[in-house]
PDB file of all heavy atoms in Angstrom:
ATOM      1  N   ALA A   1      35.621 -37.592 -70.553  1.00  0.00           N
ATOM      2  CA  ALA A   1      35.828 -38.960 -70.987  1.00  0.00           C
ATOM      3  C   ALA A   1      34.601 -39.814 -70.629  1.00  0.00           C
ATOM      4  O   ALA A   1      34.000 -39.630 -69.568  1.00  0.00           O
ATOM      5  CB  ALA A   1      37.073 -39.518 -70.340  1.00  0.00           C
ATOM      6  N   LEU A   2      34.329 -40.760 -71.486  1.00  0.00           N
ATOM      7  CA  LEU A   2      33.222 -41.657 -71.237  1.00  0.00           C
ATOM      8  C   LEU A   2      33.661 -42.718 -70.207  1.00  0.00           C
ATOM      9  O   LEU A   2      34.869 -42.982 -70.075  1.00  0.00           O
ATOM     10  CB  LEU A   2      32.793 -42.357 -72.535  1.00  0.00           C
ATOM     11  CG  LEU A   2      32.240 -41.411 -73.595  1.00  0.00           C
ATOM     12  CD1 LEU A   2      32.046 -42.210 -74.894  1.00  0.00           C
ATOM     13  CD2 LEU A   2      30.937 -40.806 -73.149  1.00  0.00           C
ATOM     14  N   PRO A   3      32.699 -43.315 -69.463  1.00  0.00           N
ATOM     15  CA  PRO A   3      33.097 -44.305 -68.477  1.00  0.00           C
ATOM     16  C   PRO A   3      33.859 -45.494 -69.079  1.00  0.00           C
ATOM     17  O   PRO A   3      34.762 -46.005 -68.441  1.00  0.00           O
ATOM     18  CB  PRO A   3      31.752 -44.747 -67.892  1.00  0.00           C
ATOM     19  CG  PRO A   3      30.810 -43.647 -68.138  1.00  0.00           C
ATOM     20  CD  PRO A   3      31.304 -42.999 -69.407  1.00  0.00           C
ATOM     21  N   GLY A   4      33.509 -45.883 -70.285  1.00  0.00           N
ATOM     22  CA  GLY A   4      34.208 -46.972 -70.919  1.00  0.00           C
ATOM     23  C   GLY A   4      35.672 -46.654 -71.204  1.00  0.00           C
ATOM     24  O   GLY A   4      36.555 -47.501 -71.076  1.00  0.00           O
ATOM     25  N   HIS A   5      35.928 -45.389 -71.589  1.00  0.00           N
ATOM     26  CA  HIS A   5      37.301 -45.005 -71.864  1.00  0.00           C
ATOM     27  C   HIS A   5      38.117 -44.925 -70.554  1.00  0.00           C
ATOM     28  O   HIS A   5      39.277 -45.290 -70.520  1.00  0.00           O
ATOM     29  CB  HIS A   5      37.343 -43.651 -72.549  1.00  0.00           C
ATOM     30  CG  HIS A   5      36.732 -43.673 -73.924  1.00  0.00           C
ATOM     31  ND1 HIS A   5      35.945 -42.648 -74.402  1.00  0.00           N
ATOM     32  CD2 HIS A   5      36.758 -44.607 -74.892  1.00  0.00           C
ATOM     33  CE1 HIS A   5      35.532 -42.968 -75.615  1.00  0.00           C
ATOM     34  NE2 HIS A   5      36.018 -44.159 -75.945  1.00  0.00           N
ATOM     35  N   ILE A   6      37.494 -44.471 -69.491  1.00  0.00           N
ATOM     36  CA  ILE A   6      38.186 -44.403 -68.197  1.00  0.00           C
ATOM     37  C   ILE A   6      38.526 -45.802 -67.733  1.00  0.00           C
ATOM     38  O   ILE A   6      39.654 -46.051 -67.264  1.00  0.00           O
ATOM     39  CB  ILE A   6      37.344 -43.673 -67.171  1.00  0.00           C
ATOM     40  CG1 ILE A   6      37.152 -42.203 -67.584  1.00  0.00           C
ATOM     41  CG2 ILE A   6      37.926 -43.776 -65.781  1.00  0.00           C
ATOM     42  CD1 ILE A   6      36.177 -41.407 -66.724  1.00  0.00           C
ATOM     43  N   LEU A   7      37.564 -46.744 -67.869  1.00  0.00           N
ATOM     44  CA  LEU A   7      37.863 -48.140 -67.469  1.00  0.00           C
ATOM     45  C   LEU A   7      38.983 -48.743 -68.295  1.00  0.00           C
ATOM     46  O   LEU A   7      39.843 -49.427 -67.761  1.00  0.00           O
ATOM     47  CB  LEU A   7      36.574 -48.963 -67.577  1.00  0.00           C
ATOM     48  CG  LEU A   7      36.644 -50.406 -67.123  1.00  0.00           C
ATOM     49  CD1 LEU A   7      36.930 -50.443 -65.637  1.00  0.00           C
ATOM     50  CD2 LEU A   7      35.387 -51.113 -67.446  1.00  0.00           C
ATOM     51  N   LEU A   8      38.970 -48.458 -69.600  1.00  0.00           N
ATOM     52  CA  LEU A   8      40.034 -48.953 -70.453  1.00  0.00           C
ATOM     53  C   LEU A   8      41.377 -48.400 -70.033  1.00  0.00           C
ATOM     54  O   LEU A   8      42.388 -49.107 -69.958  1.00  0.00           O
ATOM     55  CB  LEU A   8      39.734 -48.639 -71.897  1.00  0.00           C
ATOM     56  CG  LEU A   8      40.774 -49.116 -72.917  1.00  0.00           C
ATOM     57  CD1 LEU A   8      40.851 -50.618 -72.943  1.00  0.00           C
ATOM     58  CD2 LEU A   8      40.468 -48.549 -74.282  1.00  0.00           C
ATOM     59  N   LEU A   9      41.432 -47.108 -69.740  1.00  0.00           N
ATOM     60  CA  LEU A   9      42.675 -46.471 -69.313  1.00  0.00           C
ATOM     61  C   LEU A   9      43.148 -47.043 -67.979  1.00  0.00           C
ATOM     62  O   LEU A   9      44.353 -47.144 -67.718  1.00  0.00           O
ATOM     63  CB  LEU A   9      42.507 -44.975 -69.243  1.00  0.00           C
ATOM     64  CG  LEU A   9      42.359 -44.250 -70.581  1.00  0.00           C
ATOM     65  CD1 LEU A   9      42.045 -42.760 -70.338  1.00  0.00           C
ATOM     66  CD2 LEU A   9      43.588 -44.404 -71.415  1.00  0.00           C
ATOM     67  N   LEU A  10      42.209 -47.420 -67.126  1.00  0.00           N
ATOM     68  CA  LEU A  10      42.615 -47.988 -65.843  1.00  0.00           C
ATOM     69  C   LEU A  10      43.108 -49.440 -65.996  1.00  0.00           C
ATOM     70  O   LEU A  10      43.901 -49.889 -65.214  1.00  0.00           O
ATOM     71  CB  LEU A  10      41.429 -47.976 -64.871  1.00  0.00           C
ATOM     72  CG  LEU A  10      41.031 -46.578 -64.362  1.00  0.00           C
ATOM     73  CD1 LEU A  10      39.765 -46.671 -63.514  1.00  0.00           C
ATOM     74  CD2 LEU A  10      42.154 -45.944 -63.587  1.00  0.00           C
ATOM     75  N   LEU A  11      42.627 -50.129 -67.018  1.00  0.00           N
ATOM     76  CA  LEU A  11      43.034 -51.521 -67.213  1.00  0.00           C
ATOM     77  C   LEU A  11      44.347 -51.663 -67.957  1.00  0.00           C
ATOM     78  O   LEU A  11      44.983 -52.705 -67.907  1.00  0.00           O
ATOM     79  CB  LEU A  11      41.953 -52.307 -67.942  1.00  0.00           C
ATOM     80  CG  LEU A  11      40.707 -52.631 -67.081  1.00  0.00           C
ATOM     81  CD1 LEU A  11      39.686 -53.340 -67.937  1.00  0.00           C
ATOM     82  CD2 LEU A  11      41.079 -53.501 -65.905  1.00  0.00           C
ATOM     83  N   ILE A  12      44.772 -50.640 -68.676  1.00  0.00           N
ATOM     84  CA  ILE A  12      46.041 -50.750 -69.426  1.00  0.00           C
ATOM     85  C   ILE A  12      47.256 -50.986 -68.558  1.00  0.00           C
ATOM     86  O   ILE A  12      48.061 -51.877 -68.834  1.00  0.00           O
ATOM     87  CB  ILE A  12      46.208 -49.498 -70.353  1.00  0.00           C
ATOM     88  CG1 ILE A  12      45.218 -49.545 -71.493  1.00  0.00           C
ATOM     89  CG2 ILE A  12      47.635 -49.429 -70.882  1.00  0.00           C
ATOM     90  CD1 ILE A  12      45.227 -48.306 -72.359  1.00  0.00           C
ATOM     91  N   PRO A  13      47.407 -50.261 -67.436  1.00  0.00           N
ATOM     92  CA  PRO A  13      48.564 -50.566 -66.582  1.00  0.00           C
ATOM     93  C   PRO A  13      48.499 -51.975 -65.985  1.00  0.00           C
ATOM     94  O   PRO A  13      49.537 -52.620 -65.800  1.00  0.00           O
ATOM     95  CB  PRO A  13      48.498 -49.512 -65.459  1.00  0.00           C
ATOM     96  CG  PRO A  13      47.650 -48.423 -66.027  1.00  0.00           C
ATOM     97  CD  PRO A  13      46.731 -49.054 -66.992  1.00  0.00           C
ATOM     98  N   VAL A  14      47.323 -52.457 -65.708  1.00  0.00           N
ATOM     99  CA  VAL A  14      47.179 -53.811 -65.166  1.00  0.00           C
ATOM    100  C   VAL A  14      47.608 -54.801 -66.205  1.00  0.00           C
ATOM    101  O   VAL A  14      48.331 -55.772 -65.889  1.00  0.00           O
ATOM    102  CB  VAL A  14      45.706 -54.061 -64.728  1.00  0.00           C
ATOM    103  CG1 VAL A  14      45.507 -55.505 -64.301  1.00  0.00           C
ATOM    104  CG2 VAL A  14      45.301 -53.112 -63.634  1.00  0.00           C
ATOM    105  N   ALA A  15      47.200 -54.598 -67.460  1.00  0.00           N
ATOM    106  CA  ALA A  15      47.590 -55.527 -68.517  1.00  0.00           C
ATOM    107  C   ALA A  15      49.083 -55.498 -68.784  1.00  0.00           C
ATOM    108  O   ALA A  15      49.709 -56.528 -68.977  1.00  0.00           O
ATOM    109  CB  ALA A  15      46.813 -55.201 -69.790  1.00  0.00           C
ATOM    110  N   THR A  16      49.682 -54.299 -68.742  1.00  0.00           N
ATOM    111  CA  THR A  16      51.116 -54.228 -68.989  1.00  0.00           C
ATOM    112  C   THR A  16      51.914 -54.803 -67.828  1.00  0.00           C
ATOM    113  O   THR A  16      53.014 -55.321 -68.042  1.00  0.00           O
ATOM    114  CB  THR A  16      51.541 -52.777 -69.262  1.00  0.00           C
ATOM    115  OG1 THR A  16      51.174 -51.970 -68.152  1.00  0.00           O
ATOM    116  CG2 THR A  16      50.916 -52.241 -70.536  1.00  0.00           C
ATOM    117  N   ALA A  17      51.391 -54.700 -66.629  1.00  0.00           N
ATOM    118  CA  ALA A  17      52.099 -55.274 -65.486  1.00  0.00           C
ATOM    119  C   ALA A  17      52.088 -56.805 -65.500  1.00  0.00           C
ATOM    120  O   ALA A  17      52.972 -57.442 -64.937  1.00  0.00           O
ATOM    121  CB  ALA A  17      51.480 -54.756 -64.183  1.00  0.00           C
ATOM    122  N   GLN A  18      51.102 -57.371 -66.151  1.00  0.00           N
ATOM    123  CA  GLN A  18      50.983 -58.815 -66.192  1.00  0.00           C
ATOM    124  C   GLN A  18      51.903 -59.453 -67.259  1.00  0.00           C
ATOM    125  O   GLN A  18      52.118 -60.639 -67.225  1.00  0.00           O
ATOM    126  CB  GLN A  18      49.537 -59.237 -66.486  1.00  0.00           C
ATOM    127  CG  GLN A  18      48.552 -58.832 -65.404  1.00  0.00           C
ATOM    128  CD  GLN A  18      48.759 -59.629 -64.132  1.00  0.00           C
ATOM    129  OE1 GLN A  18      49.118 -60.776 -64.161  1.00  0.00           O
ATOM    130  NE2 GLN A  18      48.548 -58.973 -62.979  1.00  0.00           N
ATOM    131  N   THR A  19      52.390 -58.669 -68.201  1.00  0.00           N
ATOM    132  CA  THR A  19      53.216 -59.203 -69.267  1.00  0.00           C
ATOM    133  C   THR A  19      54.659 -59.222 -68.800  1.00  0.00           C
ATOM    134  O   THR A  19      55.132 -58.327 -68.119  1.00  0.00           O
ATOM    135  CB  THR A  19      53.108 -58.402 -70.569  1.00  0.00           C
ATOM    136  OG1 THR A  19      53.471 -57.070 -70.307  1.00  0.00           O
ATOM    137  CG2 THR A  19      51.661 -58.450 -71.099  1.00  0.00           C
ATOM    138  N   THR A  20      55.388 -60.242 -69.202  1.00  0.00           N
ATOM    139  CA  THR A  20      56.776 -60.355 -68.828  1.00  0.00           C
ATOM    140  C   THR A  20      57.650 -59.830 -69.988  1.00  0.00           C
ATOM    141  O   THR A  20      57.370 -60.136 -71.140  1.00  0.00           O
ATOM    142  CB  THR A  20      57.149 -61.807 -68.529  1.00  0.00           C
ATOM    143  OG1 THR A  20      56.851 -62.584 -69.677  1.00  0.00           O
ATOM    144  CG2 THR A  20      56.370 -62.314 -67.346  1.00  0.00           C
ATOM    145  N   PRO A  21      58.697 -59.051 -69.679  1.00  0.00           N
ATOM    146  CA  PRO A  21      59.560 -58.586 -70.730  1.00  0.00           C
ATOM    147  C   PRO A  21      60.382 -59.721 -71.323  1.00  0.00           C
ATOM    148  O   PRO A  21      60.734 -60.662 -70.628  1.00  0.00           O
ATOM    149  CB  PRO A  21      60.450 -57.548 -70.053  1.00  0.00           C
ATOM    150  CG  PRO A  21      60.419 -57.899 -68.614  1.00  0.00           C
ATOM    151  CD  PRO A  21      59.106 -58.566 -68.356  1.00  0.00           C
ATOM    152  N   GLY A  22      60.666 -59.656 -72.568  1.00  0.00           N
ATOM    153  CA  GLY A  22      61.450 -60.693 -73.226  1.00  0.00           C
ATOM    154  C   GLY A  22      61.361 -60.519 -74.724  1.00  0.00           C
ATOM    155  O   GLY A  22      60.873 -59.508 -75.227  1.00  0.00           O
ATOM    156  N   PRO A  23      61.885 -61.526 -75.447  1.00  0.00           N
ATOM    157  CA  PRO A  23      61.876 -61.369 -76.926  1.00  0.00           C
ATOM    158  C   PRO A  23      60.446 -61.384 -77.482  1.00  0.00           C
ATOM    159  O   PRO A  23      60.212 -60.843 -78.544  1.00  0.00           O
ATOM    160  CB  PRO A  23      62.667 -62.584 -77.376  1.00  0.00           C
ATOM    161  CG  PRO A  23      62.535 -63.602 -76.288  1.00  0.00           C
ATOM    162  CD  PRO A  23      62.432 -62.783 -75.017  1.00  0.00           C
ATOM    163  N   CYS A  24      59.522 -61.971 -76.776  1.00  0.00           N
ATOM    164  CA  CYS A  24      58.151 -62.027 -77.272  1.00  0.00           C
ATOM    165  C   CYS A  24      57.235 -61.479 -76.204  1.00  0.00           C
ATOM    166  O   CYS A  24      56.374 -62.147 -75.659  1.00  0.00           O
ATOM    167  CB  CYS A  24      57.755 -63.464 -77.618  1.00  0.00           C
ATOM    168  SG  CYS A  24      56.123 -63.582 -78.360  1.00  0.00           S
ATOM    169  N   SER A  25      57.448 -60.221 -75.871  1.00  0.00           N
ATOM    170  CA  SER A  25      56.650 -59.588 -74.817  1.00  0.00           C
ATOM    171  C   SER A  25      55.201 -59.444 -75.260  1.00  0.00           C
ATOM    172  O   SER A  25      54.912 -58.898 -76.299  1.00  0.00           O
ATOM    173  CB  SER A  25      57.252 -58.209 -74.532  1.00  0.00           C
ATOM    174  OG  SER A  25      56.331 -57.408 -73.900  1.00  0.00           O
ATOM    175  N   GLY A  26      54.302 -59.929 -74.476  1.00  0.00           N
ATOM    176  CA  GLY A  26      52.878 -59.782 -74.767  1.00  0.00           C
ATOM    177  C   GLY A  26      52.260 -61.001 -75.486  1.00  0.00           C
ATOM    178  O   GLY A  26      51.056 -61.081 -75.632  1.00  0.00           O
ATOM    179  N   CYS A  27      53.076 -61.887 -75.976  1.00  0.00           N
ATOM    180  CA  CYS A  27      52.482 -63.066 -76.595  1.00  0.00           C
ATOM    181  C   CYS A  27      52.488 -64.218 -75.591  1.00  0.00           C
ATOM    182  O   CYS A  27      53.341 -64.320 -74.759  1.00  0.00           O
ATOM    183  CB  CYS A  27      53.234 -63.437 -77.864  1.00  0.00           C
ATOM    184  SG  CYS A  27      54.964 -63.836 -77.577  1.00  0.00           S
ATOM    185  N   GLY A  28      51.501 -65.014 -75.694  1.00  0.00           N
ATOM    186  CA  GLY A  28      51.380 -66.114 -74.738  1.00  0.00           C
ATOM    187  C   GLY A  28      50.059 -66.024 -74.004  1.00  0.00           C
ATOM    188  O   GLY A  28      49.260 -65.108 -74.233  1.00  0.00           O
ATOM    189  N   PRO A  29      49.813 -66.976 -73.150  1.00  0.00           N
ATOM    190  CA  PRO A  29      48.509 -67.010 -72.467  1.00  0.00           C
ATOM    191  C   PRO A  29      48.382 -65.893 -71.435  1.00  0.00           C
ATOM    192  O   PRO A  29      49.343 -65.426 -70.864  1.00  0.00           O
ATOM    193  CB  PRO A  29      48.496 -68.391 -71.794  1.00  0.00           C
ATOM    194  CG  PRO A  29      49.941 -68.713 -71.576  1.00  0.00           C
ATOM    195  CD  PRO A  29      50.667 -68.093 -72.753  1.00  0.00           C
ATOM    196  N   LEU A  30      47.161 -65.444 -71.239  1.00  0.00           N
ATOM    197  CA  LEU A  30      46.903 -64.430 -70.237  1.00  0.00           C
ATOM    198  C   LEU A  30      46.874 -65.069 -68.853  1.00  0.00           C
ATOM    199  O   LEU A  30      46.508 -66.250 -68.705  1.00  0.00           O
ATOM    200  CB  LEU A  30      45.520 -63.800 -70.468  1.00  0.00           C
ATOM    201  CG  LEU A  30      45.362 -62.982 -71.733  1.00  0.00           C
ATOM    202  CD1 LEU A  30      43.917 -62.520 -71.871  1.00  0.00           C
ATOM    203  CD2 LEU A  30      46.264 -61.748 -71.702  1.00  0.00           C
ATOM    204  N   SER A  31      47.267 -64.317 -67.873  1.00  0.00           N
ATOM    205  CA  SER A  31      47.208 -64.856 -66.510  1.00  0.00           C
ATOM    206  C   SER A  31      45.750 -64.920 -66.089  1.00  0.00           C
ATOM    207  O   SER A  31      44.876 -64.235 -66.622  1.00  0.00           O
ATOM    208  CB  SER A  31      47.995 -63.966 -65.544  1.00  0.00           C
ATOM    209  OG  SER A  31      47.338 -62.740 -65.401  1.00  0.00           O
ATOM    210  N   LEU A  32      45.473 -65.749 -65.121  1.00  0.00           N
ATOM    211  CA  LEU A  32      44.109 -65.978 -64.643  1.00  0.00           C
ATOM    212  C   LEU A  32      43.539 -64.686 -64.035  1.00  0.00           C
ATOM    213  O   LEU A  32      42.364 -64.352 -64.292  1.00  0.00           O
ATOM    214  CB  LEU A  32      44.058 -67.098 -63.605  1.00  0.00           C
ATOM    215  CG  LEU A  32      42.686 -67.463 -63.095  1.00  0.00           C
ATOM    216  CD1 LEU A  32      41.801 -67.938 -64.264  1.00  0.00           C
ATOM    217  CD2 LEU A  32      42.778 -68.552 -62.053  1.00  0.00           C
ATOM    218  N   GLN A  33      44.328 -63.936 -63.287  1.00  0.00           N
ATOM    219  CA  GLN A  33      43.865 -62.701 -62.674  1.00  0.00           C
ATOM    220  C   GLN A  33      43.468 -61.664 -63.723  1.00  0.00           C
ATOM    221  O   GLN A  33      42.455 -61.008 -63.617  1.00  0.00           O
ATOM    222  CB  GLN A  33      44.920 -62.109 -61.734  1.00  0.00           C
ATOM    223  CG  GLN A  33      45.234 -62.932 -60.542  1.00  0.00           C
ATOM    224  CD  GLN A  33      46.334 -63.962 -60.793  1.00  0.00           C
ATOM    225  OE1 GLN A  33      46.914 -63.986 -61.862  1.00  0.00           O
ATOM    226  NE2 GLN A  33      46.592 -64.800 -59.822  1.00  0.00           N
ATOM    227  N   LEU A  34      44.295 -61.540 -64.768  1.00  0.00           N
ATOM    228  CA  LEU A  34      43.989 -60.581 -65.808  1.00  0.00           C
ATOM    229  C   LEU A  34      42.733 -60.970 -66.583  1.00  0.00           C
ATOM    230  O   LEU A  34      41.860 -60.146 -66.893  1.00  0.00           O
ATOM    231  CB  LEU A  34      45.172 -60.455 -66.775  1.00  0.00           C
ATOM    232  CG  LEU A  34      44.973 -59.494 -67.974  1.00  0.00           C
ATOM    233  CD1 LEU A  34      44.773 -58.092 -67.470  1.00  0.00           C
ATOM    234  CD2 LEU A  34      46.155 -59.569 -68.907  1.00  0.00           C
ATOM    235  N   LEU A  35      42.585 -62.269 -66.874  1.00  0.00           N
ATOM    236  CA  LEU A  35      41.438 -62.763 -67.568  1.00  0.00           C
ATOM    237  C   LEU A  35      40.172 -62.546 -66.773  1.00  0.00           C
ATOM    238  O   LEU A  35      39.151 -62.094 -67.294  1.00  0.00           O
ATOM    239  CB  LEU A  35      41.607 -64.248 -67.926  1.00  0.00           C
ATOM    240  CG  LEU A  35      40.557 -64.864 -68.826  1.00  0.00           C
ATOM    241  CD1 LEU A  35      40.505 -64.167 -70.145  1.00  0.00           C
ATOM    242  CD2 LEU A  35      40.846 -66.322 -69.008  1.00  0.00           C
ATOM    243  N   VAL A  36      40.206 -62.838 -65.484  1.00  0.00           N
ATOM    244  CA  VAL A  36      39.043 -62.604 -64.608  1.00  0.00           C
ATOM    245  C   VAL A  36      38.703 -61.124 -64.551  1.00  0.00           C
ATOM    246  O   VAL A  36      37.534 -60.740 -64.569  1.00  0.00           O
ATOM    247  CB  VAL A  36      39.313 -63.180 -63.199  1.00  0.00           C
ATOM    248  CG1 VAL A  36      38.252 -62.733 -62.204  1.00  0.00           C
ATOM    249  CG2 VAL A  36      39.357 -64.726 -63.263  1.00  0.00           C
ATOM    250  N   GLY A  37      39.693 -60.285 -64.452  1.00  0.00           N
ATOM    251  CA  GLY A  37      39.473 -58.846 -64.399  1.00  0.00           C
ATOM    252  C   GLY A  37      38.829 -58.316 -65.687  1.00  0.00           C
ATOM    253  O   GLY A  37      37.918 -57.492 -65.633  1.00  0.00           O
ATOM    254  N   LEU A  38      39.309 -58.803 -66.823  1.00  0.00           N
ATOM    255  CA  LEU A  38      38.739 -58.350 -68.097  1.00  0.00           C
ATOM    256  C   LEU A  38      37.326 -58.835 -68.294  1.00  0.00           C
ATOM    257  O   LEU A  38      36.453 -58.088 -68.780  1.00  0.00           O
ATOM    258  CB  LEU A  38      39.644 -58.840 -69.256  1.00  0.00           C
ATOM    259  CG  LEU A  38      40.994 -58.147 -69.386  1.00  0.00           C
ATOM    260  CD1 LEU A  38      41.822 -58.813 -70.478  1.00  0.00           C
ATOM    261  CD2 LEU A  38      40.826 -56.664 -69.660  1.00  0.00           C
ATOM    262  N   VAL A  39      37.066 -60.063 -67.872  1.00  0.00           N
ATOM    263  CA  VAL A  39      35.681 -60.589 -67.995  1.00  0.00           C
ATOM    264  C   VAL A  39      34.749 -59.838 -67.054  1.00  0.00           C
ATOM    265  O   VAL A  39      33.637 -59.464 -67.422  1.00  0.00           O
ATOM    266  CB  VAL A  39      35.666 -62.097 -67.678  1.00  0.00           C
ATOM    267  CG1 VAL A  39      34.245 -62.633 -67.533  1.00  0.00           C
ATOM    268  CG2 VAL A  39      36.366 -62.873 -68.807  1.00  0.00           C
ATOM    269  N   ALA A  40      35.212 -59.515 -65.837  1.00  0.00           N
ATOM    270  CA  ALA A  40      34.375 -58.774 -64.894  1.00  0.00           C
ATOM    271  C   ALA A  40      34.112 -57.353 -65.404  1.00  0.00           C
ATOM    272  O   ALA A  40      32.987 -56.851 -65.314  1.00  0.00           O
ATOM    273  CB  ALA A  40      35.049 -58.737 -63.530  1.00  0.00           C
ATOM    274  N   ALA A  41      35.147 -56.730 -65.947  1.00  0.00           N
ATOM    275  CA  ALA A  41      34.962 -55.346 -66.494  1.00  0.00           C
ATOM    276  C   ALA A  41      34.019 -55.362 -67.664  1.00  0.00           C
ATOM    277  O   ALA A  41      33.159 -54.503 -67.825  1.00  0.00           O
ATOM    278  CB  ALA A  41      36.328 -54.787 -66.903  1.00  0.00           C
TER     279      ALA A  41
END
């Protein structure tokens, strides 16, 4: 695997942990921690 793919695979659980379950799971603003992590990556 390429380093970019490994980083993406490592960030997927972080992104899913930040979303709240509900009728519109995944829609809405990103949390500040997730946004900072994505920008840093």
